[in-house]
Amino acid sequence: MKPITVAREEFAHSLVELCNNAQLPFFVMESVLKDVLQEVHAASVKQYEADKAEYDKQEECVEDK
């Protein structure tokens, strides 16, 4: 598995490259990126809640033993 630092840098580079090649005005890219960020944030919150629920469930199982 690729280290998260390498994956992050590659992802950031890909986004910059995509923006540079988009041939869109910055205000349009900003609007799109804000929408994407909202969706990513919502997914991140859902993932945290699912991970926390799973962790809490595992902790309960350990405590019951």
N, C-alpha and C. Protein backbone atom coordinates (compact mmCIF):
# COMPACT_ATOMS: atom_id res chain seq x y z
N MET A 1 0.85 -1.18 0.00
CA MET A 1 0.00 0.00 0.00
C MET A 1 0.89 1.24 0.00
N LYS A 2 0.48 2.22 -0.77
CA LYS A 2 1.23 3.47 -0.91
C LYS A 2 1.12 4.27 0.39
N PRO A 3 2.24 4.84 0.87
CA PRO A 3 2.15 5.68 2.07
C PRO A 3 1.21 6.87 1.83
N ILE A 4 0.49 7.26 2.87
CA ILE A 4 -0.50 8.33 2.75
C ILE A 4 0.15 9.63 2.30
N THR A 5 1.39 9.89 2.72
CA THR A 5 2.06 11.13 2.32
C THR A 5 2.31 11.16 0.82
N VAL A 6 2.67 10.02 0.25
CA VAL A 6 2.91 9.93 -1.19
C VAL A 6 1.59 10.04 -1.93
N ALA A 7 0.57 9.35 -1.47
CA ALA A 7 -0.75 9.41 -2.11
C ALA A 7 -1.31 10.82 -2.06
N ARG A 8 -1.11 11.51 -0.94
CA ARG A 8 -1.60 12.88 -0.80
C ARG A 8 -0.90 13.79 -1.80
N GLU A 9 0.41 13.68 -1.89
CA GLU A 9 1.16 14.54 -2.81
C GLU A 9 0.75 14.28 -4.26
N GLU A 10 0.59 13.03 -4.62
CA GLU A 10 0.16 12.69 -5.98
C GLU A 10 -1.24 13.23 -6.27
N PHE A 11 -2.12 13.13 -5.28
CA PHE A 11 -3.48 13.64 -5.43
C PHE A 11 -3.47 15.15 -5.62
N ALA A 12 -2.71 15.85 -4.79
CA ALA A 12 -2.63 17.31 -4.91
C ALA A 12 -2.06 17.70 -6.27
N HIS A 13 -1.03 17.01 -6.70
CA HIS A 13 -0.43 17.30 -8.00
C HIS A 13 -1.45 17.08 -9.12
N SER A 14 -2.22 16.01 -9.03
CA SER A 14 -3.25 15.73 -10.04
C SER A 14 -4.31 16.82 -10.08
N LEU A 15 -4.72 17.31 -8.91
CA LEU A 15 -5.71 18.39 -8.87
C LEU A 15 -5.17 19.67 -9.50
N VAL A 16 -3.93 20.01 -9.18
CA VAL A 16 -3.33 21.21 -9.75
C VAL A 16 -3.23 21.08 -11.26
N GLU A 17 -2.80 19.92 -11.72
CA GLU A 17 -2.69 19.67 -13.16
C GLU A 17 -4.06 19.78 -13.83
N LEU A 18 -5.08 19.20 -13.21
CA LEU A 18 -6.44 19.27 -13.74
C LEU A 18 -6.92 20.72 -13.83
N CYS A 19 -6.67 21.48 -12.80
CA CYS A 19 -7.08 22.89 -12.80
C CYS A 19 -6.33 23.67 -13.88
N ASN A 20 -5.05 23.41 -14.00
CA ASN A 20 -4.25 24.12 -15.00
C ASN A 20 -4.72 23.82 -16.42
N ASN A 21 -5.24 22.64 -16.65
CA ASN A 21 -5.68 22.23 -17.98
C ASN A 21 -7.18 22.42 -18.23
N ALA A 22 -7.90 22.91 -17.25
CA ALA A 22 -9.36 23.01 -17.34
C ALA A 22 -9.83 24.12 -18.29
N GLN A 23 -9.01 25.10 -18.49
CA GLN A 23 -9.37 26.24 -19.33
C GLN A 23 -10.68 26.89 -18.87
N LEU A 24 -10.81 27.00 -17.56
CA LEU A 24 -11.96 27.68 -16.95
C LEU A 24 -11.45 28.86 -16.13
N PRO A 25 -12.27 29.89 -16.00
CA PRO A 25 -11.88 31.00 -15.13
C PRO A 25 -11.80 30.53 -13.68
N PHE A 26 -10.95 31.20 -12.91
CA PHE A 26 -10.77 30.80 -11.51
C PHE A 26 -12.06 30.84 -10.71
N PHE A 27 -12.94 31.81 -10.97
CA PHE A 27 -14.19 31.89 -10.20
C PHE A 27 -15.08 30.68 -10.46
N VAL A 28 -15.01 30.09 -11.64
CA VAL A 28 -15.79 28.89 -11.95
C VAL A 28 -15.17 27.70 -11.22
N MET A 29 -13.85 27.58 -11.28
CA MET A 29 -13.18 26.47 -10.58
C MET A 29 -13.43 26.57 -9.08
N GLU A 30 -13.40 27.79 -8.55
CA GLU A 30 -13.64 27.97 -7.12
C GLU A 30 -15.02 27.46 -6.72
N SER A 31 -16.01 27.79 -7.51
CA SER A 31 -17.38 27.35 -7.24
C SER A 31 -17.49 25.83 -7.26
N VAL A 32 -16.90 25.23 -8.27
CA VAL A 32 -16.93 23.76 -8.39
C VAL A 32 -16.20 23.12 -7.23
N LEU A 33 -15.02 23.65 -6.90
CA LEU A 33 -14.23 23.06 -5.81
C LEU A 33 -14.93 23.21 -4.46
N LYS A 34 -15.65 24.31 -4.25
CA LYS A 34 -16.42 24.47 -3.01
C LYS A 34 -17.49 23.39 -2.91
N ASP A 35 -18.19 23.13 -4.02
CA ASP A 35 -19.21 22.08 -4.03
C ASP A 35 -18.59 20.72 -3.74
N VAL A 36 -17.47 20.44 -4.37
CA VAL A 36 -16.79 19.16 -4.16
C VAL A 36 -16.34 19.04 -2.71
N LEU A 37 -15.79 20.13 -2.16
CA LEU A 37 -15.34 20.11 -0.77
C LEU A 37 -16.49 19.81 0.18
N GLN A 38 -17.66 20.38 -0.08
CA GLN A 38 -18.82 20.10 0.77
C GLN A 38 -19.19 18.62 0.72
N GLU A 39 -19.15 18.05 -0.48
CA GLU A 39 -19.48 16.63 -0.62
C GLU A 39 -18.44 15.74 0.06
N VAL A 40 -17.18 16.10 -0.08
CA VAL A 40 -16.10 15.34 0.55
C VAL A 40 -16.22 15.43 2.08
N HIS A 41 -16.53 16.63 2.56
CA HIS A 41 -16.69 16.81 4.01
C HIS A 41 -17.84 15.95 4.54
N ALA A 42 -18.96 15.96 3.85
CA ALA A 42 -20.11 15.16 4.28
C ALA A 42 -19.76 13.67 4.30
N ALA A 43 -19.04 13.22 3.28
CA ALA A 43 -18.62 11.81 3.24
C ALA A 43 -17.65 11.51 4.36
N SER A 44 -16.76 12.45 4.67
CA SER A 44 -15.80 12.28 5.74
C SER A 44 -16.50 12.14 7.10
N VAL A 45 -17.50 12.97 7.34
CA VAL A 45 -18.26 12.91 8.59
C VAL A 45 -18.98 11.57 8.70
N LYS A 46 -19.59 11.12 7.61
CA LYS A 46 -20.28 9.81 7.62
C LYS A 46 -19.29 8.68 7.90
N GLN A 47 -18.11 8.76 7.29
CA GLN A 47 -17.10 7.72 7.50
C GLN A 47 -16.65 7.71 8.96
N TYR A 48 -16.43 8.89 9.53
CA TYR A 48 -16.04 8.97 10.94
C TYR A 48 -17.11 8.34 11.83
N GLU A 49 -18.36 8.68 11.57
CA GLU A 49 -19.46 8.15 12.39
C GLU A 49 -19.53 6.63 12.28
N ALA A 50 -19.35 6.11 11.07
CA ALA A 50 -19.37 4.64 10.87
C ALA A 50 -18.18 3.99 11.58
N ASP A 51 -17.00 4.59 11.44
CA ASP A 51 -15.80 4.05 12.10
C ASP A 51 -15.95 4.08 13.61
N LYS A 52 -16.49 5.19 14.13
CA LYS A 52 -16.67 5.32 15.58
C LYS A 52 -17.67 4.30 16.09
N ALA A 53 -18.75 4.09 15.37
CA ALA A 53 -19.76 3.10 15.78
C ALA A 53 -19.16 1.71 15.78
N GLU A 54 -18.37 1.38 14.76
CA GLU A 54 -17.72 0.07 14.69
C GLU A 54 -16.72 -0.10 15.83
N TYR A 55 -15.95 0.94 16.11
CA TYR A 55 -14.98 0.90 17.20
C TYR A 55 -15.68 0.71 18.54
N ASP A 56 -16.74 1.48 18.76
CA ASP A 56 -17.49 1.36 20.02
C ASP A 56 -18.07 -0.05 20.17
N LYS A 57 -18.55 -0.62 19.08
CA LYS A 57 -19.10 -1.97 19.10
C LYS A 57 -18.02 -2.98 19.47
N GLN A 58 -16.83 -2.84 18.92
CA GLN A 58 -15.72 -3.73 19.23
C GLN A 58 -15.29 -3.59 20.68
N GLU A 59 -15.30 -2.37 21.17
CA GLU A 59 -14.93 -2.12 22.57
C GLU A 59 -15.93 -2.80 23.52
N GLU A 60 -17.22 -2.73 23.16
CA GLU A 60 -18.23 -3.37 23.98
C GLU A 60 -18.01 -4.88 24.03
N CYS A 61 -17.63 -5.46 22.89
CA CYS A 61 -17.39 -6.90 22.84
C CYS A 61 -16.20 -7.28 23.73
N VAL A 62 -15.17 -6.47 23.73
CA VAL A 62 -13.99 -6.72 24.56
C VAL A 62 -14.34 -6.61 26.03
N GLU A 63 -15.16 -5.62 26.37
CA GLU A 63 -15.56 -5.42 27.76
C GLU A 63 -16.45 -6.55 28.24
N ASP A 64 -17.23 -7.17 27.36
CA ASP A 64 -18.14 -8.25 27.75
C ASP A 64 -17.40 -9.53 28.04
N LYS A 65 -16.17 -9.65 27.58
CA LYS A 65 -15.42 -10.90 27.79
C LYS A 65 -14.81 -10.98 29.16
